[in-house]
Amino acid sequence: MYTYPFEKLQAWHGAHKMVVRLYEITAKFPAEERYGLTQQLRRADVSVSSNLSEGSGRFSAKDQGHFYSMAYSSLMEALNQILIAKDLGWVSLDAYEELRGHMEGLSAVITALRKSILSKQPPP
C-alpha cells in the first residue's frame, strides 16, 4: 500500500533500488575516498530519488517537471561519477555494467515522466 504520490512512481522505485545498490558498491571504495568520490556519488544518487519525491508533491505541472529535470541531471552526474570510479578500478566491470544498464533504463523512465507531466501543462 502506497501512502504518498512518489511511492506510486515507477521512476522513484527504480531510483530507490539504485541508491541501495550504490551504497553497497561504494562501501568497498578506498577509505581515503570516504569524503571524496564516495560521498559525492552517494549524494548525487540520493538526489535522483529525492527530486522525484519532491516533484511528486508539487501541484503545478511546471514545478513537477522542474524537479523531474533535476532528477535526470543528478542521474547524469551519478553516471559520470560511476564511470570515474570504474576507470580508477574501484568498480568491477560487472558492477559498472549493472549500474549503467539500470541508469539507462531509469533515464528513459524519468524522461517519459517529465514529458507526460509537461504535456498536461496549459500552453503559455
Protein backbone atom coordinates (compact mmCIF):
# COMPACT_ATOMS: atom_id res chain seq x y z
CA MET A 1 0.00 0.00 0.00
CA TYR A 2 1.33 3.41 -1.00
CA THR A 3 0.57 6.49 1.04
CA TYR A 4 2.39 9.25 -0.82
CA PRO A 5 2.40 10.13 -4.54
CA PHE A 6 6.12 9.43 -5.05
CA GLU A 7 5.65 5.87 -3.82
CA LYS A 8 3.44 5.26 -6.86
CA LEU A 9 6.12 6.35 -9.34
CA GLN A 10 7.99 3.64 -11.23
CA ALA A 11 10.87 6.11 -11.55
CA TRP A 12 11.11 6.55 -7.77
CA HIS A 13 11.17 2.77 -7.19
CA GLY A 14 13.97 2.42 -9.73
CA ALA A 15 15.93 5.28 -8.18
CA HIS A 16 15.46 3.88 -4.69
CA LYS A 17 16.71 0.47 -5.78
CA MET A 18 19.73 2.12 -7.40
CA VAL A 19 20.59 4.03 -4.21
CA VAL A 20 20.61 0.84 -2.15
CA ARG A 21 22.82 -0.94 -4.69
CA LEU A 22 25.18 2.03 -5.00
CA TYR A 23 25.64 2.21 -1.23
CA GLU A 24 26.63 -1.47 -1.27
CA ILE A 25 29.16 -0.84 -4.03
CA THR A 26 30.62 2.37 -2.59
CA ALA A 27 31.08 0.72 0.81
CA LYS A 28 34.03 -1.07 -0.83
CA PHE A 29 35.68 2.12 -2.13
CA PRO A 30 39.05 3.05 -0.58
CA ALA A 31 38.78 4.56 2.91
CA GLU A 32 40.60 7.72 1.81
CA GLU A 33 37.70 8.39 -0.60
CA ARG A 34 35.08 8.43 2.16
CA TYR A 35 34.80 12.23 1.86
CA GLY A 36 35.63 12.41 -1.84
CA LEU A 37 34.06 10.48 -4.67
CA THR A 38 32.17 8.12 -2.35
CA GLN A 39 30.26 10.94 -0.69
CA GLN A 40 29.75 12.85 -3.95
CA LEU A 41 28.41 9.78 -5.76
CA ARG A 42 26.08 8.90 -2.93
CA ARG A 43 24.80 12.46 -2.74
CA ALA A 44 24.12 12.63 -6.49
CA ASP A 45 22.39 9.27 -6.43
CA VAL A 46 20.20 10.09 -3.43
CA SER A 47 19.32 13.35 -5.18
CA VAL A 48 17.64 11.40 -8.00
CA SER A 49 15.04 9.79 -5.73
CA SER A 50 14.75 12.92 -3.58
CA ASN A 51 13.93 15.14 -6.56
CA LEU A 52 11.39 12.62 -7.82
CA SER A 53 9.79 12.65 -4.37
CA GLU A 54 9.76 16.41 -4.13
CA GLY A 55 8.41 16.83 -7.65
CA SER A 56 5.54 14.47 -6.97
CA GLY A 57 4.47 16.71 -4.10
CA ARG A 58 4.26 19.83 -6.26
CA PHE A 59 0.90 20.95 -7.56
CA SER A 60 1.74 22.55 -10.89
CA ALA A 61 2.99 20.61 -13.88
CA LYS A 62 5.74 23.20 -14.34
CA ASP A 63 7.06 22.63 -10.79
CA GLN A 64 6.82 18.86 -11.15
CA GLY A 65 8.66 18.99 -14.47
CA HIS A 66 11.38 21.13 -12.92
CA PHE A 67 12.09 18.58 -10.19
CA TYR A 68 11.95 15.69 -12.65
CA SER A 69 14.53 17.54 -14.76
CA MET A 70 16.72 17.93 -11.68
CA ALA A 71 16.37 14.18 -11.00
CA TYR A 72 17.57 13.47 -14.55
CA SER A 73 20.51 15.86 -14.11
CA SER A 74 21.50 14.16 -10.86
CA LEU A 75 21.32 10.80 -12.61
CA MET A 76 23.74 12.06 -15.27
CA GLU A 77 26.06 13.32 -12.52
CA ALA A 78 25.99 9.90 -10.83
CA LEU A 79 26.68 8.17 -14.16
CA ASN A 80 29.73 10.37 -14.71
CA GLN A 81 30.99 9.55 -11.23
CA ILE A 82 30.47 5.80 -11.62
CA LEU A 83 32.46 6.00 -14.88
CA ILE A 84 35.29 7.67 -12.97
CA ALA A 85 35.12 5.01 -10.23
CA LYS A 86 35.27 2.27 -12.89
CA ASP A 87 38.28 3.86 -14.55
CA LEU A 88 40.02 4.07 -11.17
CA GLY A 89 39.39 0.35 -10.66
CA TRP A 90 37.04 0.79 -7.72
CA VAL A 91 34.04 -0.69 -9.53
CA SER A 92 34.22 -4.03 -11.33
CA LEU A 93 33.18 -4.20 -14.95
CA ASP A 94 30.20 -6.38 -13.96
CA ALA A 95 29.02 -3.87 -11.33
CA TYR A 96 29.57 -0.99 -13.74
CA GLU A 97 27.53 -2.69 -16.48
CA GLU A 98 24.78 -3.48 -13.97
CA LEU A 99 24.62 0.14 -12.78
CA ARG A 100 24.93 1.56 -16.28
CA GLY A 101 22.04 -0.58 -17.51
CA HIS A 102 19.93 0.44 -14.54
CA MET A 103 20.78 4.12 -15.09
CA GLU A 104 19.94 3.95 -18.79
CA GLY A 105 16.55 2.42 -18.04
CA LEU A 106 15.90 4.94 -15.29
CA SER A 107 16.83 7.86 -17.54
CA ALA A 108 14.19 6.74 -20.06
CA VAL A 109 11.55 6.44 -17.33
CA ILE A 110 12.36 9.88 -15.89
CA THR A 111 12.30 11.43 -19.37
CA ALA A 112 8.90 9.86 -20.11
CA LEU A 113 7.56 11.02 -16.73
CA ARG A 114 8.71 14.59 -17.34
CA LYS A 115 7.24 14.66 -20.86
CA SER A 116 3.95 13.25 -19.57
CA ILE A 117 3.69 15.85 -16.83
CA LEU A 118 4.63 18.76 -19.09
CA SER A 119 2.15 17.66 -21.77
CA LYS A 120 -0.62 18.32 -19.21
CA GLN A 121 0.58 21.89 -18.69
CA PRO A 122 -1.62 24.50 -20.34
CA PRO A 123 0.09 26.43 -23.16
CA PRO A 124 1.51 29.88 -22.27
